[in-house]
Amino acid sequence: MKIKSVITGASVVAISALALAGCGSSSSSSSSSSSKKSSSSSSAKTTKVAKLTAGSKMKAGTYALEEQNYSHGYRTKMSITVNNKGKITKSSYDQVNKNDKSKVDDTSYNKQMKKIAGTNPKTYMPKLNKTLTGSAATGNVGSIDVVTGATESSKTFQNYTQQLVQAAQAGNKSTIKIDNGAKMKDGTYKLNEKNYSHGYKVTFAITVKDNKIIKSEYNQVNKNGKSKVDDAAYNKQMKKVAKTNPKTYQPALNKSLVKSSDPTKVDVVTGATESSNTFILYAEQLQNAAQKGDTNTITVDNMIFSE
């Protein structure tokens, strides 16, 4: 998943170039030997890290997140360590059982998954952790790729990384608790980006009733509150280049979420991959809020990175 910024404005040439790129918007320890296997530190790195141009830098410290419930015998525990330069120097993402034993050490599971999916926890967990001390070291969640064969775990990793980055930006070291698997509580849950990327930022709200999302309102608005859907010139040019535009893909994404009530089952819109990925990332965070019944508006101090 690579969540990038879309350039909007009078320049048709600029619009065309970014439409071709996918048309998206910017986002977002255990001492056991198994945990060591599924963690990564930042020594001797040569990976180029995109420059942060807007959004708060992460504050130094260690930030943790834990799932509260077990799914198929495992739950996720994750932490990141940030240095005084605002870079992640260590990531520890793991899935552990009730004995705190890592899925990395489940030999039979790893063997079977490798045979079916072409990968396994022993392979994809270190790979995902490594991205956070490489391309995503400054909090660029959009640079984290989905690992082939481990799509669900990759998306969970992206979601949890985004939440940990937001905590690090605020310097909030309280452990984030995810009530995974819990029913969503009735109510309206909102998320808004703080920073404008090329003139637009995301606003998003879902309404839940009887554990189902009955309304989804995802939008990209400018400083006057005008939707990108209403930018006729942009829509016309993007349609020509990418075969879709905000007027088409925004309603499609909202409809897909209401249909499934599950962000992981939202269909990515062809020609708007990056916007689709941003939508899914934020929808997962809103789902987590709904599982806890937390109706406080989530403000994402979204990081904007150089192209």
C-alpha atoms as a PDB file:
ATOM      1  CA  MET A   1       0.000   0.000   0.000  1.00  0.00           C
ATOM      2  CA  LYS A   2       1.490   3.304  -1.019  1.00  0.00           C
ATOM      3  CA  ILE A   3      -0.542   6.321  -0.011  1.00  0.00           C
ATOM      4  CA  LYS A   4       0.643   9.384  -1.913  1.00  0.00           C
ATOM      5  CA  SER A   5      -0.490  12.955  -2.421  1.00  0.00           C
ATOM      6  CA  VAL A   6      -2.508  14.173  -5.402  1.00  0.00           C
ATOM      7  CA  ILE A   7      -1.590  17.567  -6.809  1.00  0.00           C
ATOM      8  CA  THR A   8      -4.574  19.717  -7.692  1.00  0.00           C
ATOM      9  CA  GLY A   9      -4.796  23.191  -9.181  1.00  0.00           C
ATOM     10  CA  ALA A  10      -4.779  25.030 -12.475  1.00  0.00           C
ATOM     11  CA  SER A  11      -1.934  23.092 -14.029  1.00  0.00           C
ATOM     12  CA  VAL A  12      -3.351  20.386 -16.286  1.00  0.00           C
ATOM     13  CA  VAL A  13       0.149  18.998 -16.766  1.00  0.00           C
ATOM     14  CA  ALA A  14       0.620  18.516 -13.030  1.00  0.00           C
ATOM     15  CA  ILE A  15      -2.782  16.884 -12.694  1.00  0.00           C
ATOM     16  CA  SER A  16      -2.042  14.502 -15.543  1.00  0.00           C
ATOM     17  CA  ALA A  17       1.251  13.426 -14.030  1.00  0.00           C
ATOM     18  CA  LEU A  18      -0.236  12.593 -10.662  1.00  0.00           C
ATOM     19  CA  ALA A  19      -3.340  10.991 -12.054  1.00  0.00           C
ATOM     20  CA  LEU A  20      -1.057   8.527 -13.760  1.00  0.00           C
ATOM     21  CA  ALA A  21       0.641   7.892 -10.411  1.00  0.00           C
ATOM     22  CA  GLY A  22      -2.597   6.665  -8.873  1.00  0.00           C
ATOM     23  CA  CYS A  23      -4.368   9.726  -7.501  1.00  0.00           C
ATOM     24  CA  GLY A  24      -4.267   9.370  -3.741  1.00  0.00           C
ATOM     25  CA  SER A  25      -3.872  11.442  -0.616  1.00  0.00           C
ATOM     26  CA  SER A  26      -1.324  11.487   2.217  1.00  0.00           C
ATOM     27  CA  SER A  27      -1.857   9.776   5.384  1.00  0.00           C
ATOM     28  CA  SER A  28      -0.316   8.089   7.588  1.00  0.00           C
ATOM     29  CA  SER A  29       9.072  -5.554  23.591  1.00  0.00           C
ATOM     30  CA  SER A  30       9.283  -8.555  24.395  1.00  0.00           C
ATOM     31  CA  SER A  31      12.561 -10.017  25.654  1.00  0.00           C
ATOM     32  CA  SER A  32      11.844 -13.407  24.089  1.00  0.00           C
ATOM     33  CA  SER A  33      13.956 -14.722  21.232  1.00  0.00           C
ATOM     34  CA  SER A  34      10.890 -14.871  18.988  1.00  0.00           C
ATOM     35  CA  SER A  35      10.221 -11.198  19.555  1.00  0.00           C
ATOM     36  CA  LYS A  36      13.783 -10.461  18.564  1.00  0.00           C
ATOM     37  CA  LYS A  37      13.191 -12.294  15.321  1.00  0.00           C
ATOM     38  CA  SER A  38      10.162 -10.153  14.549  1.00  0.00           C
ATOM     39  CA  SER A  39      11.729  -6.804  15.422  1.00  0.00           C
ATOM     40  CA  SER A  40      14.078  -4.554  13.494  1.00  0.00           C
ATOM     41  CA  SER A  41      16.644  -1.931  14.462  1.00  0.00           C
ATOM     42  CA  SER A  42      18.028   0.840  12.284  1.00  0.00           C
ATOM     43  CA  SER A  43      21.744   0.130  12.160  1.00  0.00           C
ATOM     44  CA  ALA A  44      23.600   0.629   8.868  1.00  0.00           C
ATOM     45  CA  LYS A  45      20.689   1.715   6.758  1.00  0.00           C
ATOM     46  CA  THR A  46      21.007   3.210   3.282  1.00  0.00           C
ATOM     47  CA  THR A  47      17.318   3.407   2.399  1.00  0.00           C
ATOM     48  CA  LYS A  48      16.310   6.865   1.186  1.00  0.00           C
ATOM     49  CA  VAL A  49      13.689   8.420   3.460  1.00  0.00           C
ATOM     50  CA  ALA A  50      11.200  10.925   2.006  1.00  0.00           C
ATOM     51  CA  LYS A  51      11.399  14.433   3.456  1.00  0.00           C
ATOM     52  CA  LEU A  52       8.578  15.529   5.754  1.00  0.00           C
ATOM     53  CA  THR A  53       7.109  18.794   4.454  1.00  0.00           C
ATOM     54  CA  ALA A  54       3.984  19.136   6.644  1.00  0.00           C
ATOM     55  CA  GLY A  55       2.649  17.538   9.811  1.00  0.00           C
ATOM     56  CA  SER A  56       4.256  17.231  13.243  1.00  0.00           C
ATOM     57  CA  LYS A  57       7.470  15.274  13.658  1.00  0.00           C
ATOM     58  CA  MET A  58       7.276  12.287  16.001  1.00  0.00           C
ATOM     59  CA  LYS A  59       8.542  12.837  19.550  1.00  0.00           C
ATOM     60  CA  ALA A  60      11.241  10.660  21.087  1.00  0.00           C
ATOM     61  CA  GLY A  61      10.111   7.653  23.097  1.00  0.00           C
ATOM     62  CA  THR A  62       8.589   4.184  22.881  1.00  0.00           C
ATOM     63  CA  TYR A  63       4.950   3.797  21.856  1.00  0.00           C
ATOM     64  CA  ALA A  64       2.967   0.584  22.250  1.00  0.00           C
ATOM     65  CA  LEU A  65      -0.265  -0.976  21.002  1.00  0.00           C
ATOM     66  CA  GLU A  66      -1.984  -4.217  21.997  1.00  0.00           C
ATOM     67  CA  GLU A  67      -5.016  -6.128  20.806  1.00  0.00           C
ATOM     68  CA  GLN A  68      -7.254  -7.155  23.691  1.00  0.00           C
ATOM     69  CA  ASN A  69      -8.680 -10.320  22.166  1.00  0.00           C
ATOM     70  CA  TYR A  70      -7.270 -13.491  20.608  1.00  0.00           C
ATOM     71  CA  SER A  71      -8.173 -14.468  17.061  1.00  0.00           C
ATOM     72  CA  HIS A  72      -7.438 -18.081  16.139  1.00  0.00           C
ATOM     73  CA  GLY A  73      -5.277 -18.271  19.249  1.00  0.00           C
ATOM     74  CA  TYR A  74      -3.196 -15.143  18.638  1.00  0.00           C
ATOM     75  CA  ARG A  75      -3.305 -11.401  19.244  1.00  0.00           C
ATOM     76  CA  THR A  76      -1.095  -8.567  18.011  1.00  0.00           C
ATOM     77  CA  LYS A  77       1.412  -6.693  20.162  1.00  0.00           C
ATOM     78  CA  MET A  78       3.374  -3.871  18.612  1.00  0.00           C
ATOM     79  CA  SER A  79       5.694  -1.046  19.602  1.00  0.00           C
ATOM     80  CA  ILE A  80       7.907   1.529  17.922  1.00  0.00           C
ATOM     81  CA  THR A  81      10.865   3.432  19.322  1.00  0.00           C
ATOM     82  CA  VAL A  82      11.518   6.961  18.056  1.00  0.00           C
ATOM     83  CA  ASN A  83      14.783   8.872  18.474  1.00  0.00           C
ATOM     84  CA  ASN A  84      15.242  12.598  19.115  1.00  0.00           C
ATOM     85  CA  LYS A  85      15.412  13.239  15.372  1.00  0.00           C
ATOM     86  CA  GLY A  86      11.867  11.974  14.911  1.00  0.00           C
ATOM     87  CA  LYS A  87      12.862   8.699  13.263  1.00  0.00           C
ATOM     88  CA  ILE A  88      11.784   5.169  14.111  1.00  0.00           C
ATOM     89  CA  THR A  89      14.832   3.195  15.223  1.00  0.00           C
ATOM     90  CA  LYS A  90      13.035   0.010  16.257  1.00  0.00           C
ATOM     91  CA  SER A  91       9.769  -1.717  15.365  1.00  0.00           C
ATOM     92  CA  SER A  92       8.448  -4.763  17.169  1.00  0.00           C
ATOM     93  CA  TYR A  93       5.311  -6.174  15.565  1.00  0.00           C
ATOM     94  CA  ASP A  94       4.346  -9.644  16.719  1.00  0.00           C
ATOM     95  CA  GLN A  95       1.401 -12.021  17.082  1.00  0.00           C
ATOM     96  CA  VAL A  96       1.452 -13.984  20.320  1.00  0.00           C
ATOM     97  CA  ASN A  97      -0.618 -16.726  21.939  1.00  0.00           C
ATOM     98  CA  LYS A  98      -1.848 -16.954  25.549  1.00  0.00           C
ATOM     99  CA  ASN A  99       1.585 -18.168  26.619  1.00  0.00           C
ATOM    100  CA  ASP A 100       3.129 -15.090  24.945  1.00  0.00           C
ATOM    101  CA  LYS A 101       4.744 -17.360  22.355  1.00  0.00           C
ATOM    102  CA  SER A 102       5.180 -15.818  18.912  1.00  0.00           C
ATOM    103  CA  LYS A 103       3.496 -17.163  15.804  1.00  0.00           C
ATOM    104  CA  VAL A 104       7.004 -17.002  14.322  1.00  0.00           C
ATOM    105  CA  ASP A 105       7.821 -20.041  16.467  1.00  0.00           C
ATOM    106  CA  ASP A 106       4.762 -22.079  15.444  1.00  0.00           C
ATOM    107  CA  THR A 107       6.629 -24.486  13.171  1.00  0.00           C
ATOM    108  CA  SER A 108       3.629 -26.370  11.810  1.00  0.00           C
ATOM    109  CA  TYR A 109       1.715 -23.152  11.083  1.00  0.00           C
ATOM    110  CA  ASN A 110       4.694 -21.595   9.310  1.00  0.00           C
ATOM    111  CA  LYS A 111       5.237 -24.723   7.221  1.00  0.00           C
ATOM    112  CA  GLN A 112       1.601 -24.950   6.178  1.00  0.00           C
ATOM    113  CA  MET A 113       1.199 -21.231   5.397  1.00  0.00           C
ATOM    114  CA  LYS A 114       4.404 -21.225   3.358  1.00  0.00           C
ATOM    115  CA  LYS A 115       3.033 -24.077   1.277  1.00  0.00           C
ATOM    116  CA  ILE A 116      -0.308 -22.339   0.647  1.00  0.00           C
ATOM    117  CA  ALA A 117       0.524 -18.611   0.587  1.00  0.00           C
ATOM    118  CA  GLY A 118       4.190 -18.561  -0.351  1.00  0.00           C
ATOM    119  CA  THR A 119       5.074 -16.732   2.844  1.00  0.00           C
ATOM    120  CA  ASN A 120       4.658 -17.108   6.620  1.00  0.00           C
ATOM    121  CA  PRO A 121       5.044 -15.134   9.873  1.00  0.00           C
ATOM    122  CA  LYS A 122       8.729 -16.054  10.072  1.00  0.00           C
ATOM    123  CA  THR A 123       9.186 -14.211   6.770  1.00  0.00           C
ATOM    124  CA  TYR A 124       6.614 -11.399   6.674  1.00  0.00           C
ATOM    125  CA  MET A 125       6.872 -10.127  10.261  1.00  0.00           C
ATOM    126  CA  PRO A 126      10.576  -9.172  10.038  1.00  0.00           C
ATOM    127  CA  LYS A 127       9.935  -7.757   6.565  1.00  0.00           C
ATOM    128  CA  LEU A 128       7.143  -5.482   7.804  1.00  0.00           C
ATOM    129  CA  ASN A 129       9.164  -4.390  10.839  1.00  0.00           C
ATOM    130  CA  LYS A 130      12.104  -3.540   8.607  1.00  0.00           C
ATOM    131  CA  THR A 131      10.049  -1.045   6.610  1.00  0.00           C
ATOM    132  CA  LEU A 132       9.588   1.094   9.723  1.00  0.00           C
ATOM    133  CA  THR A 133      13.307   1.590  10.161  1.00  0.00           C
ATOM    134  CA  GLY A 134      13.781   2.119   6.442  1.00  0.00           C
ATOM    135  CA  SER A 135      11.474   3.944   4.042  1.00  0.00           C
ATOM    136  CA  ALA A 136       8.857   4.648   6.729  1.00  0.00           C
ATOM    137  CA  ALA A 137      11.305   5.794   9.416  1.00  0.00           C
ATOM    138  CA  THR A 138       9.838   9.299   9.606  1.00  0.00           C
ATOM    139  CA  GLY A 139       6.264   7.978   9.812  1.00  0.00           C
ATOM    140  CA  ASN A 140       5.537   7.612   6.107  1.00  0.00           C
ATOM    141  CA  VAL A 141       2.914   4.865   6.398  1.00  0.00           C
ATOM    142  CA  GLY A 142       2.221   5.220   2.687  1.00  0.00           C
ATOM    143  CA  SER A 143       5.589   3.642   1.868  1.00  0.00           C
ATOM    144  CA  ILE A 144       4.648   0.340   3.508  1.00  0.00           C
ATOM    145  CA  ASP A 145       3.892  -2.309   0.909  1.00  0.00           C
ATOM    146  CA  VAL A 146       1.483  -5.190   1.369  1.00  0.00           C
ATOM    147  CA  VAL A 147       3.413  -8.464   1.559  1.00  0.00           C
ATOM    148  CA  THR A 148       2.173 -10.881  -1.086  1.00  0.00           C
ATOM    149  CA  GLY A 149       0.440 -13.789   0.628  1.00  0.00           C
ATOM    150  CA  ALA A 150      -0.040 -11.866   3.882  1.00  0.00           C
ATOM    151  CA  THR A 151      -2.480  -9.157   2.825  1.00  0.00           C
ATOM    152  CA  GLU A 152      -4.612  -9.165   5.968  1.00  0.00           C
ATOM    153  CA  SER A 153      -1.638  -9.015   8.336  1.00  0.00           C
ATOM    154  CA  SER A 154      -0.043  -6.296   6.203  1.00  0.00           C
ATOM    155  CA  LYS A 155      -3.170  -4.134   6.349  1.00  0.00           C
ATOM    156  CA  THR A 156      -3.422  -4.633  10.099  1.00  0.00           C
ATOM    157  CA  PHE A 157       0.233  -3.606  10.374  1.00  0.00           C
ATOM    158  CA  GLN A 158      -0.417  -0.456   8.330  1.00  0.00           C
ATOM    159  CA  ASN A 159      -3.430   0.470  10.447  1.00  0.00           C
ATOM    160  CA  TYR A 160      -1.618  -0.034  13.744  1.00  0.00           C
ATOM    161  CA  THR A 161       1.483   1.765  12.499  1.00  0.00           C
ATOM    162  CA  GLN A 162      -0.664   4.770  11.574  1.00  0.00           C
ATOM    163  CA  GLN A 163      -2.138   4.851  15.081  1.00  0.00           C
ATOM    164  CA  LEU A 164       1.292   4.546  16.713  1.00  0.00           C
ATOM    165  CA  VAL A 165       2.654   7.347  14.514  1.00  0.00           C
ATOM    166  CA  GLN A 166      -0.252   9.566  15.581  1.00  0.00           C
ATOM    167  CA  ALA A 167       0.518   8.771  19.227  1.00  0.00           C
ATOM    168  CA  ALA A 168       4.211   9.573  18.666  1.00  0.00           C
ATOM    169  CA  GLN A 169       3.360  12.900  17.040  1.00  0.00           C
ATOM    170  CA  ALA A 170       1.370  13.820  20.147  1.00  0.00           C
ATOM    171  CA  GLY A 171       3.958  12.315  22.504  1.00  0.00           C
ATOM    172  CA  ASN A 172       1.248  10.112  24.014  1.00  0.00           C
ATOM    173  CA  LYS A 173       2.962   7.051  25.524  1.00  0.00           C
ATOM    174  CA  SER A 174      -0.173   5.384  26.881  1.00  0.00           C
ATOM    175  CA  THR A 175      -0.578   1.906  25.400  1.00  0.00           C
ATOM    176  CA  ILE A 176      -3.181   1.906  22.633  1.00  0.00           C
ATOM    177  CA  LYS A 177      -5.731  -0.822  23.299  1.00  0.00           C
ATOM    178  CA  ILE A 178      -7.564  -2.327  20.336  1.00  0.00           C
ATOM    179  CA  ASP A 179     -10.801  -4.165  21.166  1.00  0.00           C
ATOM    180  CA  ASN A 180     -10.406  -6.346  18.085  1.00  0.00           C
ATOM    181  CA  GLY A 181     -13.329  -8.579  17.181  1.00  0.00           C
ATOM    182  CA  ALA A 182     -15.739  -6.640  19.394  1.00  0.00           C
ATOM    183  CA  LYS A 183     -19.089  -5.511  18.012  1.00  0.00           C
ATOM    184  CA  MET A 184     -19.239  -1.906  16.874  1.00  0.00           C
ATOM    185  CA  LYS A 185     -21.378   0.268  19.125  1.00  0.00           C
ATOM    186  CA  ASP A 186     -24.166   2.464  17.749  1.00  0.00           C
ATOM    187  CA  GLY A 187     -23.154   6.027  16.967  1.00  0.00           C
ATOM    188  CA  THR A 188     -21.374   8.330  14.530  1.00  0.00           C
ATOM    189  CA  TYR A 189     -17.592   8.235  14.398  1.00  0.00           C
ATOM    190  CA  LYS A 190     -15.524  10.949  12.741  1.00  0.00           C
ATOM    191  CA  LEU A 191     -11.975  11.414  11.481  1.00  0.00           C
ATOM    192  CA  ASN A 192     -10.489  14.569   9.967  1.00  0.00           C
ATOM    193  CA  GLU A 193      -7.043  15.272   8.574  1.00  0.00           C
ATOM    194  CA  LYS A 194      -5.396  18.399   9.980  1.00  0.00           C
ATOM    195  CA  ASN A 195      -3.187  19.356   7.045  1.00  0.00           C
ATOM    196  CA  TYR A 196      -4.007  20.176   3.431  1.00  0.00           C
ATOM    197  CA  SER A 197      -2.154  18.306   0.709  1.00  0.00           C
ATOM    198  CA  HIS A 198      -2.147  20.267  -2.534  1.00  0.00           C
ATOM    199  CA  GLY A 199      -5.229  22.144  -1.401  1.00  0.00           C
ATOM    200  CA  TYR A 200      -7.308  19.271  -0.007  1.00  0.00           C
ATOM    201  CA  LYS A 201      -7.664  17.235   3.167  1.00  0.00           C
ATOM    202  CA  VAL A 202      -9.767  14.191   4.093  1.00  0.00           C
ATOM    203  CA  THR A 203     -12.928  14.309   6.199  1.00  0.00           C
ATOM    204  CA  PHE A 204     -14.553  10.998   7.056  1.00  0.00           C
ATOM    205  CA  ALA A 205     -17.508   9.830   9.148  1.00  0.00           C
ATOM    206  CA  ILE A 206     -19.293   6.523   9.591  1.00  0.00           C
ATOM    207  CA  THR A 207     -22.628   5.843  11.260  1.00  0.00           C
ATOM    208  CA  VAL A 208     -23.075   2.494  13.005  1.00  0.00           C
ATOM    209  CA  LYS A 209     -26.285   0.737  13.985  1.00  0.00           C
ATOM    210  CA  ASP A 210     -26.657  -2.864  15.168  1.00  0.00           C
ATOM    211  CA  ASN A 211     -22.976  -3.582  14.438  1.00  0.00           C
ATOM    212  CA  LYS A 212     -23.339  -2.462  10.827  1.00  0.00           C
ATOM    213  CA  ILE A 213     -22.052   0.626   9.060  1.00  0.00           C
ATOM    214  CA  ILE A 214     -25.219   2.166   7.650  1.00  0.00           C
ATOM    215  CA  LYS A 215     -23.639   5.394   6.375  1.00  0.00           C
ATOM    216  CA  SER A 216     -20.163   6.317   5.144  1.00  0.00           C
ATOM    217  CA  GLU A 217     -19.147   9.888   4.347  1.00  0.00           C
ATOM    218  CA  TYR A 218     -15.610  10.044   2.993  1.00  0.00           C
ATOM    219  CA  ASN A 219     -14.660  13.296   1.307  1.00  0.00           C
ATOM    220  CA  GLN A 220     -11.715  15.454   0.287  1.00  0.00           C
ATOM    221  CA  VAL A 221     -12.320  19.161   0.857  1.00  0.00           C
ATOM    222  CA  ASN A 222     -10.465  22.428   0.324  1.00  0.00           C
ATOM    223  CA  LYS A 223     -10.106  25.373   2.724  1.00  0.00           C
ATOM    224  CA  ASN A 224     -13.537  26.641   1.691  1.00  0.00           C
ATOM    225  CA  GLY A 225     -15.110  23.290   2.501  1.00  0.00           C
ATOM    226  CA  LYS A 226     -15.656  22.558  -1.194  1.00  0.00           C
ATOM    227  CA  SER A 227     -15.403  18.918  -2.207  1.00  0.00           C
ATOM    228  CA  LYS A 228     -12.965  17.644  -4.798  1.00  0.00           C
ATOM    229  CA  VAL A 229     -16.063  16.045  -6.327  1.00  0.00           C
ATOM    230  CA  ASP A 230     -17.109  19.559  -7.381  1.00  0.00           C
ATOM    231  CA  ASP A 231     -13.783  20.483  -9.002  1.00  0.00           C
ATOM    232  CA  ALA A 232     -15.000  20.155 -12.599  1.00  0.00           C
ATOM    233  CA  ALA A 233     -11.631  20.778 -14.254  1.00  0.00           C
ATOM    234  CA  TYR A 234      -9.843  18.251 -12.069  1.00  0.00           C
ATOM    235  CA  ASN A 235     -12.550  15.619 -12.539  1.00  0.00           C
ATOM    236  CA  LYS A 236     -12.516  16.059 -16.306  1.00  0.00           C
ATOM    237  CA  GLN A 237      -8.743  15.749 -16.603  1.00  0.00           C
ATOM    238  CA  MET A 238      -8.404  12.811 -14.199  1.00  0.00           C
ATOM    239  CA  LYS A 239     -11.193  10.959 -15.990  1.00  0.00           C
ATOM    240  CA  LYS A 240      -9.290  11.348 -19.243  1.00  0.00           C
ATOM    241  CA  VAL A 241      -6.034  10.037 -17.781  1.00  0.00           C
ATOM    242  CA  ALA A 242      -7.071   7.520 -15.087  1.00  0.00           C
ATOM    243  CA  LYS A 243     -10.555   6.536 -16.348  1.00  0.00           C
ATOM    244  CA  THR A 244     -12.026   7.579 -13.009  1.00  0.00           C
ATOM    245  CA  ASN A 245     -12.264  10.685 -10.815  1.00  0.00           C
ATOM    246  CA  PRO A 246     -13.415  11.813  -7.341  1.00  0.00           C
ATOM    247  CA  LYS A 247     -16.979  12.177  -8.587  1.00  0.00           C
ATOM    248  CA  THR A 248     -16.912   8.447  -9.338  1.00  0.00           C
ATOM    249  CA  TYR A 249     -14.556   6.835  -6.837  1.00  0.00           C
ATOM    250  CA  GLN A 250     -15.634   8.635  -3.654  1.00  0.00           C
ATOM    251  CA  PRO A 251     -19.263   7.420  -3.854  1.00  0.00           C
ATOM    252  CA  ALA A 252     -18.012   3.978  -4.908  1.00  0.00           C
ATOM    253  CA  LEU A 253     -15.781   3.669  -1.830  1.00  0.00           C
ATOM    254  CA  ASN A 254     -18.511   4.851   0.521  1.00  0.00           C
ATOM    255  CA  LYS A 255     -20.976   2.401  -1.028  1.00  0.00           C
ATOM    256  CA  SER A 256     -18.530  -0.496  -0.750  1.00  0.00           C
ATOM    257  CA  LEU A 257     -17.968   0.125   2.966  1.00  0.00           C
ATOM    258  CA  VAL A 258     -21.697   0.270   3.710  1.00  0.00           C
ATOM    259  CA  LYS A 259     -22.231  -2.929   1.728  1.00  0.00           C
ATOM    260  CA  SER A 260     -19.617  -4.934   3.649  1.00  0.00           C
ATOM    261  CA  SER A 261     -19.323  -3.067   6.995  1.00  0.00           C
ATOM    262  CA  ASP A 262     -15.741  -4.324   6.861  1.00  0.00           C
ATOM    263  CA  PRO A 263     -12.897  -2.030   5.680  1.00  0.00           C
ATOM    264  CA  THR A 264     -10.770  -4.997   4.610  1.00  0.00           C
ATOM    265  CA  LYS A 265     -13.466  -5.996   2.114  1.00  0.00           C
ATOM    266  CA  VAL A 266     -13.703  -2.598   0.442  1.00  0.00           C
ATOM    267  CA  ASP A 267     -13.036  -2.833  -3.285  1.00  0.00           C
ATOM    268  CA  VAL A 268     -10.075  -0.792  -4.507  1.00  0.00           C
ATOM    269  CA  VAL A 269     -11.217   1.454  -7.361  1.00  0.00           C
ATOM    270  CA  THR A 270      -9.158   0.975 -10.513  1.00  0.00           C
ATOM    271  CA  GLY A 271      -7.390   4.232 -11.335  1.00  0.00           C
ATOM    272  CA  ALA A 272      -7.699   5.501  -7.755  1.00  0.00           C
ATOM    273  CA  THR A 273      -5.585   2.976  -5.882  1.00  0.00           C
ATOM    274  CA  GLU A 274      -3.923   5.479  -3.571  1.00  0.00           C
ATOM    275  CA  SER A 275      -7.180   7.149  -2.536  1.00  0.00           C
ATOM    276  CA  SER A 276      -8.723   3.723  -2.038  1.00  0.00           C
ATOM    277  CA  ASN A 277      -5.859   2.701   0.253  1.00  0.00           C
ATOM    278  CA  THR A 278      -6.177   5.894   2.290  1.00  0.00           C
ATOM    279  CA  PHE A 279      -9.897   5.245   2.597  1.00  0.00           C
ATOM    280  CA  ILE A 280      -9.316   1.712   3.874  1.00  0.00           C
ATOM    281  CA  LEU A 281      -6.641   2.845   6.349  1.00  0.00           C
ATOM    282  CA  TYR A 282      -8.902   5.473   7.904  1.00  0.00           C
ATOM    283  CA  ALA A 283     -11.974   3.229   7.791  1.00  0.00           C
ATOM    284  CA  GLU A 284     -10.090   0.661   9.872  1.00  0.00           C
ATOM    285  CA  GLN A 285      -9.243   3.310  12.447  1.00  0.00           C
ATOM    286  CA  LEU A 286     -12.882   4.419  12.613  1.00  0.00           C
ATOM    287  CA  GLN A 287     -13.919   0.771  13.009  1.00  0.00           C
ATOM    288  CA  ASN A 288     -11.532   0.462  15.976  1.00  0.00           C
ATOM    289  CA  ALA A 289     -13.113   3.576  17.517  1.00  0.00           C
ATOM    290  CA  ALA A 290     -16.586   2.108  16.998  1.00  0.00           C
ATOM    291  CA  GLN A 291     -15.531  -1.138  18.670  1.00  0.00           C
ATOM    292  CA  LYS A 292     -14.646   0.898  21.765  1.00  0.00           C
ATOM    293  CA  GLY A 293     -17.635   3.225  21.409  1.00  0.00           C
ATOM    294  CA  ASP A 294     -15.300   6.240  21.360  1.00  0.00           C
ATOM    295  CA  THR A 295     -17.163   9.008  19.519  1.00  0.00           C
ATOM    296  CA  ASN A 296     -14.452  11.650  19.983  1.00  0.00           C
ATOM    297  CA  THR A 297     -13.382  13.000  16.596  1.00  0.00           C
ATOM    298  CA  ILE A 298     -10.045  11.572  15.518  1.00  0.00           C
ATOM    299  CA  THR A 299      -7.741  14.335  14.295  1.00  0.00           C
ATOM    300  CA  VAL A 300      -4.978  12.981  12.089  1.00  0.00           C
ATOM    301  CA  ASP A 301      -1.942  15.266  11.998  1.00  0.00           C
ATOM    302  CA  ASN A 302      -1.329  13.827   8.557  1.00  0.00           C
ATOM    303  CA  MET A 303       2.221  13.877   7.347  1.00  0.00           C
ATOM    304  CA  ILE A 304       2.924  15.245   3.885  1.00  0.00           C
ATOM    305  CA  PHE A 305       6.106  14.010   2.229  1.00  0.00           C
ATOM    306  CA  SER A 306       8.079  15.289  -0.738  1.00  0.00           C
ATOM    307  CA  GLU A 307       7.212  13.553  -4.003  1.00  0.00           C
END
